[in-house]
Amino acid sequence: MIEYHTVKHIDNSRLVRPTSPARVQDFWRRVAAGAALATCLLVYTWQHFECIQLRYQVEQLETLRAQSSVLNQQLHVEVDTLSAPDRVYSIAGKELGLTVPVVGQAPTVAADSDGVLAQARPVSQNQRP
């Protein structure tokens, strides 16, 4: 017995398999669940990297604070040395030629206890603009 095989050229590209509504709904549920999971992971990683960056900023600020504290101490020492009375007297005498005043050279000012530095004056309401 001889068998013959014939080749049939069938074009199935125009055929569309109908999809059930339950299957489409399940697909969209899975897409929504995947999107929610991806959103949660992205928020977590964003917070994690933001926390790391804040740690770096805190470390930089602590370093800057320590440097500022050292500079502040150095400036206080410099102010103390520059305002030392012995140094001021030596500069006043040697470089500027200043001397201690002789009795009667500088007039004394009598301290008047009832002196008025400022006096309030009444302002009437109609003078204001």
N, C-alpha and C. Protein backbone atom coordinates (compact mmCIF):
# COMPACT_ATOMS: atom_id res chain seq x y z
N MET A 1 0.82 -1.15 0.00
CA MET A 1 0.00 0.00 0.00
C MET A 1 0.88 1.24 0.00
N ILE A 2 0.58 2.17 -0.77
CA ILE A 2 1.34 3.39 -0.95
C ILE A 2 0.57 4.53 -0.32
N GLU A 3 1.31 5.28 0.45
CA GLU A 3 0.67 6.43 1.08
C GLU A 3 1.17 7.69 0.42
N TYR A 4 0.26 8.59 0.23
CA TYR A 4 0.60 9.86 -0.36
C TYR A 4 0.38 10.98 0.67
N HIS A 5 1.35 11.79 0.76
CA HIS A 5 1.24 12.94 1.67
C HIS A 5 1.11 14.19 0.82
N THR A 6 0.06 14.88 1.03
CA THR A 6 -0.13 16.13 0.30
C THR A 6 0.09 17.29 1.26
N VAL A 7 0.66 18.31 0.77
CA VAL A 7 0.93 19.50 1.57
C VAL A 7 -0.15 20.52 1.27
N LYS A 8 -0.83 20.92 2.30
CA LYS A 8 -1.87 21.93 2.14
C LYS A 8 -1.33 23.24 2.68
N HIS A 9 -1.40 24.28 1.90
CA HIS A 9 -0.96 25.60 2.34
C HIS A 9 -2.15 26.34 2.93
N ILE A 10 -2.16 26.41 4.26
CA ILE A 10 -3.28 27.07 4.94
C ILE A 10 -2.71 28.32 5.62
N ASP A 11 -3.36 29.43 5.37
CA ASP A 11 -2.94 30.70 5.96
C ASP A 11 -3.78 30.96 7.21
N ASN A 12 -3.16 30.80 8.40
CA ASN A 12 -3.87 30.99 9.66
C ASN A 12 -3.60 32.38 10.27
N SER A 13 -2.95 33.26 9.55
CA SER A 13 -2.60 34.56 10.11
C SER A 13 -3.82 35.43 10.35
N ARG A 14 -4.89 35.17 9.67
CA ARG A 14 -6.08 36.00 9.86
C ARG A 14 -6.98 35.48 10.97
N LEU A 15 -6.67 34.32 11.50
CA LEU A 15 -7.48 33.76 12.57
C LEU A 15 -7.10 34.39 13.90
N VAL A 16 -8.07 34.73 14.69
CA VAL A 16 -7.87 35.31 16.01
C VAL A 16 -8.59 34.44 17.01
N ARG A 17 -7.85 34.01 18.02
CA ARG A 17 -8.46 33.18 19.03
C ARG A 17 -9.20 34.08 20.01
N PRO A 18 -10.43 33.82 20.29
CA PRO A 18 -11.18 34.68 21.22
C PRO A 18 -10.63 34.52 22.64
N THR A 19 -10.51 35.66 23.35
CA THR A 19 -10.03 35.61 24.73
C THR A 19 -11.21 35.73 25.67
N SER A 20 -11.12 35.00 26.73
CA SER A 20 -12.21 35.04 27.70
C SER A 20 -12.01 36.26 28.60
N PRO A 21 -13.10 36.90 29.03
CA PRO A 21 -12.99 38.07 29.91
C PRO A 21 -12.30 37.74 31.24
N ALA A 22 -12.45 36.56 31.73
CA ALA A 22 -11.80 36.19 32.99
C ALA A 22 -10.29 36.17 32.82
N ARG A 23 -9.83 35.70 31.68
CA ARG A 23 -8.40 35.65 31.42
C ARG A 23 -7.82 37.06 31.28
N VAL A 24 -8.53 37.96 30.63
CA VAL A 24 -8.09 39.35 30.49
C VAL A 24 -8.04 40.02 31.87
N GLN A 25 -9.07 39.76 32.67
CA GLN A 25 -9.12 40.35 34.01
C GLN A 25 -7.96 39.81 34.86
N ASP A 26 -7.65 38.54 34.74
CA ASP A 26 -6.53 37.97 35.47
C ASP A 26 -5.21 38.59 35.01
N PHE A 27 -5.07 38.83 33.71
CA PHE A 27 -3.87 39.48 33.19
C PHE A 27 -3.70 40.87 33.80
N TRP A 28 -4.75 41.67 33.85
CA TRP A 28 -4.64 43.02 34.39
C TRP A 28 -4.40 43.03 35.89
N ARG A 29 -4.93 42.01 36.60
CA ARG A 29 -4.64 41.87 38.02
C ARG A 29 -3.15 41.60 38.25
N ARG A 30 -2.60 40.73 37.43
CA ARG A 30 -1.17 40.43 37.56
C ARG A 30 -0.31 41.65 37.21
N VAL A 31 -0.70 42.39 36.20
CA VAL A 31 0.03 43.60 35.84
C VAL A 31 -0.03 44.61 36.98
N ALA A 32 -1.21 44.80 37.59
CA ALA A 32 -1.36 45.74 38.71
C ALA A 32 -0.53 45.29 39.91
N ALA A 33 -0.53 43.99 40.21
CA ALA A 33 0.26 43.48 41.33
C ALA A 33 1.75 43.67 41.06
N GLY A 34 2.18 43.42 39.85
CA GLY A 34 3.59 43.64 39.49
C GLY A 34 3.98 45.11 39.58
N ALA A 35 3.07 45.99 39.13
CA ALA A 35 3.35 47.43 39.22
C ALA A 35 3.42 47.88 40.68
N ALA A 36 2.53 47.36 41.51
CA ALA A 36 2.56 47.72 42.93
C ALA A 36 3.85 47.23 43.58
N LEU A 37 4.27 46.02 43.25
CA LEU A 37 5.51 45.48 43.80
C LEU A 37 6.72 46.31 43.32
N ALA A 38 6.73 46.65 42.04
CA ALA A 38 7.83 47.47 41.51
C ALA A 38 7.85 48.85 42.17
N THR A 39 6.68 49.43 42.41
CA THR A 39 6.60 50.74 43.07
C THR A 39 7.14 50.65 44.49
N CYS A 40 6.76 49.59 45.20
CA CYS A 40 7.27 49.42 46.57
C CYS A 40 8.79 49.27 46.58
N LEU A 41 9.32 48.50 45.66
CA LEU A 41 10.77 48.32 45.59
C LEU A 41 11.48 49.63 45.24
N LEU A 42 10.91 50.40 44.32
CA LEU A 42 11.52 51.68 43.95
C LEU A 42 11.50 52.66 45.12
N VAL A 43 10.38 52.71 45.86
CA VAL A 43 10.31 53.60 47.02
C VAL A 43 11.31 53.18 48.08
N TYR A 44 11.43 51.89 48.32
CA TYR A 44 12.39 51.40 49.30
C TYR A 44 13.82 51.76 48.91
N THR A 45 14.18 51.52 47.66
CA THR A 45 15.55 51.83 47.23
C THR A 45 15.80 53.33 47.26
N TRP A 46 14.81 54.13 46.89
CA TRP A 46 14.97 55.58 46.94
C TRP A 46 15.23 56.04 48.38
N GLN A 47 14.44 55.52 49.33
CA GLN A 47 14.64 55.88 50.73
C GLN A 47 16.00 55.41 51.23
N HIS A 48 16.41 54.24 50.81
CA HIS A 48 17.69 53.70 51.25
C HIS A 48 18.84 54.59 50.77
N PHE A 49 18.83 54.94 49.50
CA PHE A 49 19.91 55.78 48.97
C PHE A 49 19.83 57.20 49.52
N GLU A 50 18.64 57.69 49.78
CA GLU A 50 18.50 59.01 50.41
C GLU A 50 19.08 58.99 51.82
N CYS A 51 18.86 57.92 52.54
CA CYS A 51 19.41 57.77 53.90
C CYS A 51 20.93 57.73 53.85
N ILE A 52 21.49 57.03 52.89
CA ILE A 52 22.95 56.97 52.74
C ILE A 52 23.50 58.36 52.44
N GLN A 53 22.82 59.08 51.54
CA GLN A 53 23.28 60.42 51.19
C GLN A 53 23.20 61.37 52.39
N LEU A 54 22.15 61.24 53.19
CA LEU A 54 22.03 62.06 54.39
C LEU A 54 23.14 61.74 55.40
N ARG A 55 23.52 60.48 55.49
CA ARG A 55 24.63 60.11 56.38
C ARG A 55 25.93 60.78 55.94
N TYR A 56 26.16 60.79 54.62
CA TYR A 56 27.35 61.47 54.10
C TYR A 56 27.31 62.97 54.43
N GLN A 57 26.15 63.58 54.28
CA GLN A 57 26.02 65.01 54.58
C GLN A 57 26.26 65.27 56.06
N VAL A 58 25.73 64.42 56.93
CA VAL A 58 25.94 64.59 58.37
C VAL A 58 27.42 64.45 58.70
N GLU A 59 28.09 63.50 58.07
CA GLU A 59 29.52 63.32 58.32
C GLU A 59 30.31 64.54 57.86
N GLN A 60 29.95 65.09 56.71
CA GLN A 60 30.63 66.29 56.23
C GLN A 60 30.39 67.47 57.17
N LEU A 61 29.15 67.60 57.65
CA LEU A 61 28.84 68.69 58.57
C LEU A 61 29.57 68.54 59.90
N GLU A 62 29.70 67.30 60.38
CA GLU A 62 30.45 67.08 61.61
C GLU A 62 31.93 67.43 61.43
N THR A 63 32.48 67.09 60.27
CA THR A 63 33.87 67.45 59.98
C THR A 63 34.02 68.97 59.92
N LEU A 64 33.08 69.62 59.26
CA LEU A 64 33.12 71.09 59.17
C LEU A 64 32.97 71.73 60.55
N ARG A 65 32.12 71.15 61.38
CA ARG A 65 31.94 71.67 62.74
C ARG A 65 33.22 71.54 63.55
N ALA A 66 33.89 70.41 63.42
CA ALA A 66 35.15 70.20 64.14
C ALA A 66 36.20 71.21 63.67
N GLN A 67 36.26 71.42 62.35
CA GLN A 67 37.21 72.40 61.82
C GLN A 67 36.87 73.80 62.31
N SER A 68 35.59 74.13 62.34
CA SER A 68 35.17 75.44 62.82
C SER A 68 35.49 75.62 64.29
N SER A 69 35.34 74.57 65.07
CA SER A 69 35.66 74.64 66.49
C SER A 69 37.15 74.90 66.70
N VAL A 70 37.99 74.22 65.93
CA VAL A 70 39.43 74.43 66.04
C VAL A 70 39.78 75.86 65.63
N LEU A 71 39.18 76.33 64.54
CA LEU A 71 39.43 77.71 64.09
C LEU A 71 38.96 78.71 65.13
N ASN A 72 37.82 78.45 65.76
CA ASN A 72 37.30 79.33 66.80
C ASN A 72 38.27 79.41 67.97
N GLN A 73 38.81 78.28 68.38
CA GLN A 73 39.77 78.28 69.48
C GLN A 73 41.03 79.06 69.10
N GLN A 74 41.50 78.87 67.87
CA GLN A 74 42.68 79.61 67.42
C GLN A 74 42.41 81.11 67.40
N LEU A 75 41.23 81.51 66.95
CA LEU A 75 40.90 82.93 66.92
C LEU A 75 40.78 83.51 68.32
N HIS A 76 40.23 82.76 69.26
CA HIS A 76 40.15 83.23 70.64
C HIS A 76 41.55 83.43 71.23
N VAL A 77 42.45 82.51 70.93
CA VAL A 77 43.83 82.64 71.42
C VAL A 77 44.48 83.87 70.79
N GLU A 78 44.23 84.07 69.49
CA GLU A 78 44.80 85.24 68.82
C GLU A 78 44.26 86.54 69.38
N VAL A 79 42.96 86.59 69.66
CA VAL A 79 42.36 87.80 70.25
C VAL A 79 42.96 88.05 71.63
N ASP A 80 43.11 87.00 72.40
CA ASP A 80 43.69 87.16 73.75
C ASP A 80 45.12 87.67 73.68
N THR A 81 45.90 87.16 72.73
CA THR A 81 47.29 87.62 72.62
C THR A 81 47.36 89.05 72.08
N LEU A 82 46.47 89.38 71.14
CA LEU A 82 46.51 90.74 70.58
C LEU A 82 46.00 91.79 71.56
N SER A 83 45.11 91.40 72.44
CA SER A 83 44.56 92.38 73.38
C SER A 83 45.22 92.31 74.76
N ALA A 84 46.34 91.65 74.85
CA ALA A 84 47.07 91.57 76.13
C ALA A 84 47.56 92.98 76.49
N PRO A 85 47.35 93.40 77.74
CA PRO A 85 47.73 94.77 78.14
C PRO A 85 49.22 95.08 77.95
N ASP A 86 50.09 94.14 78.23
CA ASP A 86 51.53 94.39 78.07
C ASP A 86 51.86 94.68 76.60
N ARG A 87 51.27 93.93 75.71
CA ARG A 87 51.51 94.14 74.27
C ARG A 87 50.98 95.49 73.83
N VAL A 88 49.79 95.85 74.29
CA VAL A 88 49.20 97.14 73.91
C VAL A 88 50.06 98.29 74.42
N TYR A 89 50.54 98.20 75.67
CA TYR A 89 51.40 99.27 76.22
C TYR A 89 52.72 99.38 75.46
N SER A 90 53.29 98.23 75.08
CA SER A 90 54.57 98.29 74.37
C SER A 90 54.38 98.88 72.98
N ILE A 91 53.33 98.55 72.28
CA ILE A 91 53.08 99.13 70.95
C ILE A 91 52.77 100.61 71.09
N ALA A 92 51.98 100.98 72.08
CA ALA A 92 51.63 102.39 72.28
C ALA A 92 52.88 103.21 72.59
N GLY A 93 53.79 102.69 73.36
CA GLY A 93 54.98 103.44 73.73
C GLY A 93 56.04 103.46 72.64
N LYS A 94 56.32 102.30 72.03
CA LYS A 94 57.42 102.21 71.07
C LYS A 94 57.02 102.71 69.68
N GLU A 95 55.91 102.23 69.16
CA GLU A 95 55.56 102.55 67.78
C GLU A 95 54.80 103.86 67.66
N LEU A 96 53.92 104.15 68.60
CA LEU A 96 53.08 105.34 68.49
C LEU A 96 53.60 106.51 69.32
N GLY A 97 54.50 106.25 70.22
CA GLY A 97 55.08 107.32 71.03
C GLY A 97 54.12 107.88 72.07
N LEU A 98 53.21 107.09 72.51
CA LEU A 98 52.26 107.54 73.52
C LEU A 98 52.85 107.33 74.91
N THR A 99 52.47 108.21 75.82
CA THR A 99 52.94 108.10 77.20
C THR A 99 51.75 108.20 78.14
N VAL A 100 52.00 107.87 79.39
CA VAL A 100 50.96 107.98 80.41
C VAL A 100 50.72 109.48 80.65
N PRO A 101 49.48 109.95 80.72
CA PRO A 101 49.23 111.37 80.89
C PRO A 101 49.73 111.88 82.25
N VAL A 102 50.24 113.10 82.20
CA VAL A 102 50.71 113.76 83.41
C VAL A 102 49.51 114.35 84.13
N VAL A 103 49.62 114.51 85.43
CA VAL A 103 48.50 115.06 86.21
C VAL A 103 48.17 116.44 85.67
N GLY A 104 46.93 116.68 85.37
CA GLY A 104 46.49 117.97 84.85
C GLY A 104 46.47 118.04 83.33
N GLN A 105 47.04 117.05 82.65
CA GLN A 105 47.06 117.06 81.18
C GLN A 105 45.68 116.72 80.62
N ALA A 106 45.00 115.78 81.20
CA ALA A 106 43.68 115.39 80.74
C ALA A 106 42.64 115.96 81.68
N PRO A 107 41.68 116.70 81.16
CA PRO A 107 40.66 117.28 82.05
C PRO A 107 39.76 116.20 82.61
N THR A 108 39.35 116.36 83.84
CA THR A 108 38.43 115.41 84.45
C THR A 108 37.02 115.89 84.21
N VAL A 109 36.16 114.97 83.96
CA VAL A 109 34.75 115.29 83.71
C VAL A 109 33.97 114.87 84.93
N ALA A 110 33.20 115.80 85.44
CA ALA A 110 32.40 115.50 86.62
C ALA A 110 31.20 114.68 86.18
N ALA A 111 30.99 113.58 86.84
CA ALA A 111 29.86 112.73 86.51
C ALA A 111 28.62 113.30 87.17
N ASP A 112 27.71 113.76 86.36
CA ASP A 112 26.48 114.36 86.86
C ASP A 112 25.40 113.28 86.84
N SER A 113 24.83 112.97 87.98
CA SER A 113 23.87 111.87 88.05
C SER A 113 22.52 112.25 87.46
N ASP A 114 22.18 113.54 87.39
CA ASP A 114 20.87 113.89 86.84
C ASP A 114 20.99 114.39 85.40
N GLY A 115 21.98 113.93 84.69
CA GLY A 115 22.10 114.28 83.27
C GLY A 115 21.11 113.46 82.45
N VAL A 116 20.57 114.06 81.41
CA VAL A 116 19.57 113.40 80.57
C VAL A 116 20.20 113.14 79.21
N LEU A 117 20.21 111.91 78.82
CA LEU A 117 20.74 111.58 77.50
C LEU A 117 19.71 111.80 76.41
N ALA A 118 18.49 111.45 76.68
CA ALA A 118 17.43 111.61 75.71
C ALA A 118 16.17 112.02 76.46
N GLN A 119 15.37 112.79 75.79
CA GLN A 119 14.17 113.27 76.43
C GLN A 119 13.00 113.03 75.48
N ALA A 120 11.95 112.46 76.00
CA ALA A 120 10.78 112.19 75.18
C ALA A 120 9.93 113.44 75.08
N ARG A 121 9.40 113.68 73.91
CA ARG A 121 8.51 114.83 73.75
C ARG A 121 7.16 114.31 73.30
N PRO A 122 6.11 114.93 73.75
CA PRO A 122 4.77 114.44 73.38
C PRO A 122 4.50 114.71 71.90
N VAL A 123 3.84 113.77 71.27
CA VAL A 123 3.45 113.91 69.86
C VAL A 123 1.94 113.86 69.80
N SER A 124 1.38 114.86 69.20
CA SER A 124 -0.09 114.88 69.10
C SER A 124 -0.52 114.01 67.91
N GLN A 125 -1.74 113.53 67.98
CA GLN A 125 -2.25 112.60 66.97
C GLN A 125 -2.43 113.26 65.61
N ASN A 126 -2.71 114.57 65.55
CA ASN A 126 -2.99 115.18 64.27
C ASN A 126 -1.72 115.49 63.48
N GLN A 127 -0.55 115.37 64.07
CA GLN A 127 0.68 115.64 63.34
C GLN A 127 1.17 114.44 62.52
N ARG A 128 0.65 113.31 62.80
CA ARG A 128 1.06 112.11 62.06
C ARG A 128 0.46 112.13 60.66
N PRO A 129 1.22 111.68 59.68
CA PRO A 129 0.69 111.66 58.30
C PRO A 129 -0.32 110.57 58.08
